[in-house]
Each structure stands twice: as C-alpha cells, then as structure tokens.
Amino acid sequence: MAGLQPEDRELFEDEATSLYEQILAEGGLAADDSRLAGTTPVRRAFDLLTELGLLQLDETRKTWRPVEPSNAQSRVVTPLGTEGARLIDESARWAKAFSNLTQSWRRSPAATESGPFLYLHGEAISPYLTAIIGDAETELLTAQPQTTRSAKTVAEGAVRDVAALKRGISMRTIYQHSARRHPATHKYVADVTRHGAEVRTLDEFFNRMIVVDRRVALIPAADSLATAVVVREPAIVAYLVDVFERAFARGRPFASGEQKVMKEIATEQRSMTMRMLIEGHADAVSAKRLGVSARTYAGYVAELKDEYDAETRFQLGYIMGQRGIAGQETSGG
C-alpha cells in the first residue's frame, strides 16, 4: 500500500491497534459515534484503520465492522518487503560499481601522484577505515594495544569485521593481555573467531595498526591519537607486516586453555611490572605499556611490595637489585 510513512506505523501501534481490538470486542462501531467527531486521536486511528481496509461499513446497520487482518497485512507488508529487497540489490550494485572504480583509480597515475601518505583527522578516520576494510580482497592484520574503546565502538567493529570474514577475508588480530579482562572485547573475539579469525595477546606494548591486503596500512600519528596516517608505500607496509608477523608469532591464543593461559599471563605481567620499576618508568607510562589503568598498575606494585616486604617503591627496587632480579623471571622471587 503506497504512501504509508513511519509515523503511520507509529499511529497504528499506539492508537489504531487498541481501537481495532475495542471495536472487535464491542462487535462494531456506530457510524455516528461521537468519538469520530473532529480530529481526535481516535478519529486519526479510525481513518488509518479504514485506509488499511481493517474496517468495513455495514450500510444496512450504519455500523463499522472489523475485517480479518491478514489481507490488509499482505497489502502493507509485501510491497515493503519487495522494496527492501530491491534497495538491497541496488545497494550491492552501487557498491560493486564503486569497487570497480576504486580498482581503476588504484591502477592509475593519479593514485601515485596523491603520494604514499594520507593524514586523517577525527571523524574522518572511521568512515575511511570502513571503506578500506570493505574493499579488502584477501587479508586483514590488526593490532589493538589498549582496551579503552567503548562497547559501542567494539560492537560496530564486530559488525564490520564479521562482514569481511563472511566475504572470505582472512583476519589475524593482536591485543595486549589486559584485553582478556574486557567483556566487550571478549564478545568481539567470540564473534570474529566464530567466522574464522585468529586472535592472540601479548604482554608488551605496541601501537595500533591495521593492514589491508599488505598494500595499505593505517597507523596513529606520532603527535596525536586523533590523527591517523594511511601508508601506501610498499617498503614501509612490508616492514609493518614483518613487525606484525613477529609479534603474532609470540602471542598467546585468546581462548586456548584459558585457565592455564591466564596463570601464565599473570606471571608475564608480573615480570613486566618488575621491568617497568627497574627501568624507572612513571606509573602512567608503565600502566600504558601493560595496557591497564593506573589503578590496576598500582595494585600490581602493591602486590610486589608485599611479596618482597618493602614499604616504598625505592626500597622495592633496591631489594630486587640486591637479589639480581631483572624482570625476566618466570616465577616468584
């Protein structure tokens, strides 16, 4: 049925459905019912019911009678479903046309003339990222060092990445160990691994990076987290891929033997906390390196103080130095 708008559906849900059920219970509605006068909500609901063919006038009794809804439903829903399918097909055709155009641009001199680097700022980053992942043909490599992303951002990433995986794109991701304590990341990992992605975690800090088809990389700018750099220089992209491969080889599978792995990870984070203390890093820097909050890092330090019977951080560092501890140990001192 042509002409129906979202506000018509809202009126149908809020007012017309109740009126229809009331008329059904009463066996009809008199044509001269006072509630139909003027432009009241009841009158608007009544007009919609008659437009949809859910009420029919009994001329003999001058009464509006309810009509079985299935015919009206098919007149409303079937065209909408047909139009939805048409729009989805049209959207796919436009996407394919743009994809072909993009491939032509990449092969043209214009792509080279635009330079191997592109700086993106603020809100421009997410649409660009969605576009290049949508254009991926074979592989996605991603490194996500921190778990400060909101649940909404992680969920949006899951939708985007699962769509790529369903197209047959292979995907490998590295997180820091702290991601294992982030519920939204757990759900994301469950979603993408179900579709074939591989996810591992590391104890060490690394910068965020996304590499698409080993031809384009997205990395943060050195001076601003709100700026990203798109890299298309083949030698630099190859170098970044090599860095990723080495890190991924050292990572631990996200959900393999989780209880045992979590114990090993706790040991690795303990050792890294020691290294941060021995090297004299500030708490904020150390927390970032471990991918945890400053409060969590302070808890790690407090545990080491208790373990080594130290009252201050200075004393803790002195005791570890006296015992020759270098932060590479795999068990308690």
Protein backbone atom coordinates (compact mmCIF):
# COMPACT_ATOMS: atom_id res chain seq x y z
CA MET A 1 0.00 0.00 0.00
CA ALA A 2 1.61 3.19 -1.22
CA GLY A 3 2.05 6.31 0.82
CA LEU A 4 2.44 4.84 4.30
CA GLN A 5 5.12 6.51 6.41
CA PRO A 6 6.88 5.61 9.69
CA GLU A 7 4.52 7.96 11.54
CA ASP A 8 1.58 5.93 10.19
CA ARG A 9 3.09 2.78 11.67
CA GLU A 10 3.57 4.55 15.00
CA LEU A 11 -0.08 5.64 14.97
CA PHE A 12 -1.07 2.07 14.11
CA GLU A 13 0.97 0.70 17.04
CA ASP A 14 -0.02 3.36 19.58
CA GLU A 15 -3.68 4.07 18.81
CA ALA A 16 -5.19 2.14 15.90
CA THR A 17 -4.43 -1.35 17.21
CA SER A 18 -6.19 -0.59 20.51
CA LEU A 19 -9.18 0.90 18.69
CA TYR A 20 -9.45 -2.13 16.40
CA GLU A 21 -9.39 -4.50 19.40
CA GLN A 22 -12.05 -2.39 21.14
CA ILE A 23 -14.32 -2.45 18.07
CA LEU A 24 -13.72 -6.18 17.79
CA ALA A 25 -14.79 -6.69 21.40
CA GLU A 26 -17.89 -4.48 21.02
CA GLY A 27 -18.93 -6.11 17.75
CA GLY A 28 -18.75 -2.88 15.75
CA LEU A 29 -18.65 0.91 15.84
CA ALA A 30 -21.65 3.08 15.05
CA ALA A 31 -21.08 5.38 12.09
CA ASP A 32 -22.33 8.32 14.14
CA ASP A 33 -20.23 7.53 17.22
CA SER A 34 -19.30 10.80 18.94
CA ARG A 35 -15.67 9.72 19.25
CA LEU A 36 -15.29 10.07 15.48
CA ALA A 37 -16.03 13.79 15.52
CA GLY A 38 -13.25 16.32 14.95
CA THR A 39 -9.57 15.43 14.67
CA THR A 40 -9.10 13.48 17.89
CA PRO A 41 -6.53 10.67 18.18
CA VAL A 42 -9.43 8.21 17.94
CA ARG A 43 -10.52 9.80 14.65
CA ARG A 44 -6.99 9.62 13.23
CA ALA A 45 -6.73 5.99 14.30
CA PHE A 46 -10.14 5.27 12.74
CA ASP A 47 -9.14 6.89 9.44
CA LEU A 48 -6.00 4.76 9.33
CA LEU A 49 -7.96 1.56 10.00
CA THR A 50 -10.36 2.34 7.16
CA GLU A 51 -7.46 3.23 4.84
CA LEU A 52 -5.85 -0.12 5.62
CA GLY A 53 -9.14 -1.91 4.97
CA LEU A 54 -9.44 -3.17 8.55
CA LEU A 55 -12.93 -1.66 8.98
CA GLN A 56 -15.86 -2.05 6.59
CA LEU A 57 -19.13 -0.12 6.71
CA ASP A 58 -22.33 -2.14 7.07
CA GLU A 59 -24.68 0.15 5.12
CA THR A 60 -27.79 -1.55 6.47
CA ARG A 61 -26.90 -1.13 10.15
CA LYS A 62 -24.79 2.03 9.66
CA THR A 63 -22.02 0.32 11.63
CA TRP A 64 -18.31 -0.17 11.01
CA ARG A 65 -17.35 -3.85 11.27
CA PRO A 66 -13.79 -5.20 11.83
CA VAL A 67 -12.29 -7.18 8.92
CA GLU A 68 -9.86 -10.13 9.24
CA PRO A 69 -6.33 -8.55 9.26
CA SER A 70 -4.37 -10.95 7.03
CA ASN A 71 -5.46 -9.38 3.74
CA ALA A 72 -4.58 -5.89 4.96
CA GLN A 73 -1.25 -7.18 6.24
CA SER A 74 -0.29 -8.62 2.87
CA ARG A 75 -1.19 -5.34 1.15
CA VAL A 76 1.13 -3.42 3.51
CA VAL A 77 3.98 -5.81 4.24
CA THR A 78 4.53 -7.49 0.86
CA PRO A 79 5.28 -4.25 -1.05
CA LEU A 80 7.62 -3.11 1.71
CA GLY A 81 9.49 -6.41 1.57
CA THR A 82 9.73 -6.18 -2.21
CA GLU A 83 11.02 -2.61 -1.99
CA GLY A 84 13.52 -3.62 0.72
CA ALA A 85 14.88 -6.42 -1.47
CA ARG A 86 15.12 -4.02 -4.40
CA LEU A 87 17.06 -1.48 -2.31
CA ILE A 88 19.46 -4.16 -1.03
CA ASP A 89 20.10 -5.31 -4.59
CA GLU A 90 20.56 -1.72 -5.75
CA SER A 91 22.94 -1.05 -2.86
CA ALA A 92 25.03 -4.10 -3.81
CA ARG A 93 25.17 -2.94 -7.44
CA TRP A 94 26.33 0.53 -6.41
CA ALA A 95 28.97 -0.99 -4.11
CA LYS A 96 30.26 -3.16 -6.97
CA ALA A 97 30.33 -0.17 -9.34
CA PHE A 98 32.32 1.89 -6.83
CA SER A 99 34.64 -1.05 -6.15
CA ASN A 100 35.45 -1.32 -9.85
CA LEU A 101 36.04 2.43 -9.97
CA THR A 102 38.32 2.22 -6.93
CA GLN A 103 40.38 -0.52 -8.55
CA SER A 104 40.73 1.59 -11.68
CA TRP A 105 41.87 4.56 -9.60
CA ARG A 106 44.50 2.46 -7.82
CA ARG A 107 45.97 1.40 -11.16
CA SER A 108 46.05 4.96 -12.49
CA PRO A 109 48.84 7.57 -12.27
CA ALA A 110 46.54 9.65 -10.03
CA ALA A 111 46.97 7.14 -7.22
CA THR A 112 50.74 7.56 -7.35
CA GLU A 113 50.55 11.32 -7.64
CA SER A 114 48.49 11.59 -4.46
CA GLY A 115 51.53 10.36 -2.53
CA PRO A 116 52.23 7.36 -0.27
CA PHE A 117 50.86 9.05 2.88
CA LEU A 118 47.48 10.47 3.81
CA TYR A 119 46.60 12.12 7.13
CA LEU A 120 43.09 11.62 8.53
CA HIS A 121 41.71 13.65 11.42
CA GLY A 122 38.97 12.93 13.94
CA GLU A 123 35.67 11.82 12.47
CA ALA A 124 37.22 11.17 9.05
CA ILE A 125 39.06 8.09 10.36
CA SER A 126 36.14 5.70 10.94
CA PRO A 127 34.46 6.08 7.51
CA TYR A 128 37.82 5.68 5.77
CA LEU A 129 38.59 2.57 7.82
CA THR A 130 35.18 1.09 7.00
CA ALA A 131 35.78 1.79 3.31
CA ILE A 132 39.22 0.17 3.05
CA ILE A 133 38.09 -2.88 5.02
CA GLY A 134 35.06 -3.08 2.75
CA ASP A 135 37.46 -3.13 -0.22
CA ALA A 136 39.69 -5.83 1.29
CA GLU A 137 40.23 -8.77 -1.05
CA THR A 138 42.38 -11.26 0.87
CA GLU A 139 43.66 -10.32 4.34
CA LEU A 140 43.30 -8.08 7.40
CA LEU A 141 46.01 -7.71 10.05
CA THR A 142 45.09 -5.66 13.11
CA ALA A 143 46.92 -4.69 16.30
CA GLN A 144 44.85 -3.17 19.11
CA PRO A 145 47.09 -2.25 22.08
CA GLN A 146 44.55 -0.94 24.57
CA THR A 147 41.06 -1.87 25.77
CA THR A 148 39.79 1.68 26.30
CA ARG A 149 37.45 1.51 23.33
CA SER A 150 33.77 1.76 24.25
CA ALA A 151 31.45 -1.22 24.00
CA LYS A 152 29.63 0.59 21.17
CA THR A 153 32.84 1.04 19.17
CA VAL A 154 33.79 -2.62 19.69
CA ALA A 155 30.32 -3.77 18.61
CA GLU A 156 30.49 -1.63 15.46
CA GLY A 157 33.91 -3.11 14.71
CA ALA A 158 32.49 -6.62 15.11
CA VAL A 159 29.77 -5.96 12.52
CA ARG A 160 32.30 -4.53 10.06
CA ASP A 161 34.88 -7.30 10.57
CA VAL A 162 32.39 -10.18 10.51
CA ALA A 163 31.09 -8.86 7.18
CA ALA A 164 34.66 -9.01 5.81
CA LEU A 165 35.17 -12.53 7.16
CA LYS A 166 31.95 -13.69 5.53
CA ARG A 167 33.36 -12.50 2.21
CA GLY A 168 36.23 -14.92 2.69
CA ILE A 169 38.81 -12.43 4.02
CA SER A 170 41.37 -13.92 6.43
CA MET A 171 41.93 -11.96 9.63
CA ARG A 172 44.50 -12.00 12.42
CA THR A 173 44.42 -9.70 15.45
CA ILE A 174 46.77 -8.97 18.36
CA TYR A 175 45.67 -7.49 21.68
CA GLN A 176 47.52 -6.89 24.92
CA HIS A 177 46.92 -9.45 27.68
CA SER A 178 44.71 -6.95 29.51
CA ALA A 179 42.08 -7.33 26.75
CA ARG A 180 41.17 -10.70 28.27
CA ARG A 181 39.54 -8.82 31.15
CA HIS A 182 37.43 -6.60 28.88
CA PRO A 183 33.86 -8.02 28.43
CA ALA A 184 33.14 -6.17 25.18
CA THR A 185 36.40 -7.43 23.67
CA HIS A 186 35.54 -10.98 24.76
CA LYS A 187 32.26 -10.75 22.84
CA TYR A 188 34.04 -9.29 19.81
CA VAL A 189 36.59 -12.11 19.82
CA ALA A 190 33.82 -14.71 20.09
CA ASP A 191 32.05 -13.15 17.10
CA VAL A 192 35.08 -12.93 14.79
CA THR A 193 36.69 -16.27 15.75
CA ARG A 194 33.37 -17.97 15.04
CA HIS A 195 33.86 -16.82 11.46
CA GLY A 196 37.49 -17.88 11.17
CA ALA A 197 39.57 -15.03 12.60
CA GLU A 198 42.67 -15.71 14.74
CA VAL A 199 43.18 -13.59 17.87
CA ARG A 200 46.22 -13.59 20.17
CA THR A 201 47.51 -11.45 23.04
CA LEU A 202 50.94 -10.17 24.11
CA ASP A 203 52.30 -8.78 27.38
CA GLU A 204 54.21 -5.96 25.69
CA PHE A 205 53.02 -2.60 24.39
CA PHE A 206 52.66 -1.87 20.69
CA ASN A 207 50.97 0.82 18.60
CA ARG A 208 47.61 0.42 16.93
CA MET A 209 47.85 -0.75 13.33
CA ILE A 210 45.59 -2.10 10.59
CA VAL A 211 46.99 -3.54 7.37
CA VAL A 212 44.71 -4.37 4.43
CA ASP A 213 45.85 -6.85 1.75
CA ARG A 214 49.50 -5.99 2.58
CA ARG A 215 49.13 -2.90 0.40
CA VAL A 216 47.81 -0.21 2.76
CA ALA A 217 48.34 0.37 6.49
CA LEU A 218 46.58 2.65 8.96
CA ILE A 219 48.68 3.78 11.94
CA PRO A 220 48.36 6.57 14.55
CA ALA A 221 50.19 9.86 14.06
CA ALA A 222 53.10 10.34 16.42
CA ASP A 223 51.76 13.56 17.93
CA SER A 224 48.01 12.91 18.15
CA LEU A 225 45.72 9.99 18.91
CA ALA A 226 43.01 11.82 16.96
CA THR A 227 45.05 11.65 13.74
CA ALA A 228 45.73 8.56 11.66
CA VAL A 229 48.23 8.09 8.84
CA VAL A 230 47.38 6.00 5.80
CA VAL A 231 50.55 4.41 4.42
CA ARG A 232 50.72 3.06 0.86
CA GLU A 233 54.49 3.00 0.40
CA PRO A 234 55.18 -0.73 -0.35
CA ALA A 235 58.50 -0.90 1.53
CA ILE A 236 57.04 0.61 4.69
CA VAL A 237 53.92 -1.54 4.53
CA ALA A 238 56.11 -4.64 4.13
CA TYR A 239 58.14 -3.57 7.17
CA LEU A 240 54.96 -3.12 9.25
CA VAL A 241 53.74 -6.55 8.16
CA ASP A 242 57.04 -8.07 9.30
CA VAL A 243 56.69 -6.37 12.70
CA PHE A 244 53.16 -7.76 12.98
CA GLU A 245 54.22 -11.29 11.99
CA ARG A 246 56.95 -11.37 14.66
CA ALA A 247 54.57 -10.10 17.34
CA PHE A 248 51.81 -12.52 16.32
CA ALA A 249 54.21 -15.46 16.47
CA ARG A 250 54.95 -14.61 20.13
CA GLY A 251 51.30 -14.12 21.09
CA ARG A 252 49.10 -16.49 23.04
CA PRO A 253 45.78 -17.68 21.51
CA PHE A 254 42.96 -15.68 23.09
CA ALA A 255 40.78 -18.60 24.21
CA SER A 256 43.08 -21.63 24.20
CA GLY A 257 43.30 -23.39 27.59
CA GLU A 258 42.09 -20.14 29.17
CA GLN A 259 42.69 -21.04 32.83
CA LYS A 260 46.27 -22.18 32.27
CA VAL A 261 46.98 -19.27 29.93
CA MET A 262 45.66 -16.74 32.45
CA LYS A 263 48.13 -18.03 35.06
CA GLU A 264 50.99 -17.71 32.58
CA ILE A 265 49.80 -14.24 31.59
CA ALA A 266 49.69 -13.16 35.25
CA THR A 267 53.34 -14.23 35.53
CA GLU A 268 54.27 -12.29 32.38
CA GLN A 269 52.52 -9.15 33.63
CA ARG A 270 54.27 -9.51 36.98
CA SER A 271 57.64 -9.71 35.24
CA MET A 272 56.83 -6.73 33.05
CA THR A 273 55.83 -4.71 36.12
CA MET A 274 59.25 -5.52 37.57
CA ARG A 275 60.94 -4.32 34.40
CA MET A 276 58.99 -1.08 34.48
CA LEU A 277 60.05 -0.47 38.10
CA ILE A 278 63.69 -1.36 37.45
CA GLU A 279 63.81 0.91 34.38
CA GLY A 280 62.30 3.75 36.42
CA HIS A 281 59.23 4.49 34.30
CA ALA A 282 56.46 6.69 35.68
CA ASP A 283 53.27 4.90 36.72
CA ALA A 284 51.25 6.38 33.83
CA VAL A 285 53.80 5.18 31.28
CA SER A 286 54.05 1.75 32.89
CA ALA A 287 50.26 1.33 33.02
CA LYS A 288 50.02 2.21 29.31
CA ARG A 289 52.77 -0.29 28.48
CA LEU A 290 50.79 -3.02 30.24
CA GLY A 291 47.50 -1.85 28.78
CA VAL A 292 45.88 -1.40 32.20
CA SER A 293 44.58 1.52 34.24
CA ALA A 294 46.89 3.42 36.60
CA ARG A 295 44.86 1.98 39.49
CA THR A 296 45.39 -1.61 38.33
CA TYR A 297 49.10 -0.97 37.86
CA ALA A 298 49.31 0.45 41.39
CA GLY A 299 47.76 -2.81 42.57
CA TYR A 300 50.49 -4.79 40.82
CA VAL A 301 53.16 -2.67 42.54
CA ALA A 302 51.44 -3.11 45.92
CA GLU A 303 51.50 -6.89 45.47
CA LEU A 304 55.23 -6.80 44.76
CA LYS A 305 55.80 -4.67 47.86
CA ASP A 306 54.02 -7.26 49.95
CA GLU A 307 55.91 -10.10 48.29
CA TYR A 308 59.33 -8.53 48.90
CA ASP A 309 58.39 -6.99 52.27
CA ALA A 310 59.12 -3.46 51.02
CA GLU A 311 57.49 -0.31 52.38
CA THR A 312 58.31 2.01 49.47
CA ARG A 313 58.92 1.70 45.76
CA PHE A 314 62.50 2.80 46.28
CA GLN A 315 63.01 0.01 48.80
CA LEU A 316 61.34 -2.46 46.45
CA GLY A 317 63.71 -1.50 43.64
CA TYR A 318 66.70 -1.80 45.97
CA ILE A 319 65.68 -5.28 47.14
CA MET A 320 65.14 -6.51 43.59
CA GLY A 321 68.51 -5.07 42.62
CA GLN A 322 70.20 -6.80 45.57
CA ARG A 323 68.71 -10.12 44.51
CA GLY A 324 69.72 -9.65 40.88
CA ILE A 325 66.12 -9.61 39.65
CA ALA A 326 65.87 -8.28 36.09
CA GLY A 327 62.16 -8.76 35.37
CA GLN A 328 62.74 -11.75 33.13
CA GLU A 329 61.86 -14.34 35.76
CA THR A 330 59.00 -16.78 35.24
CA SER A 331 58.18 -17.38 38.88
CA GLY A 332 58.15 -15.52 42.19
CA GLY A 333 61.42 -14.18 43.71
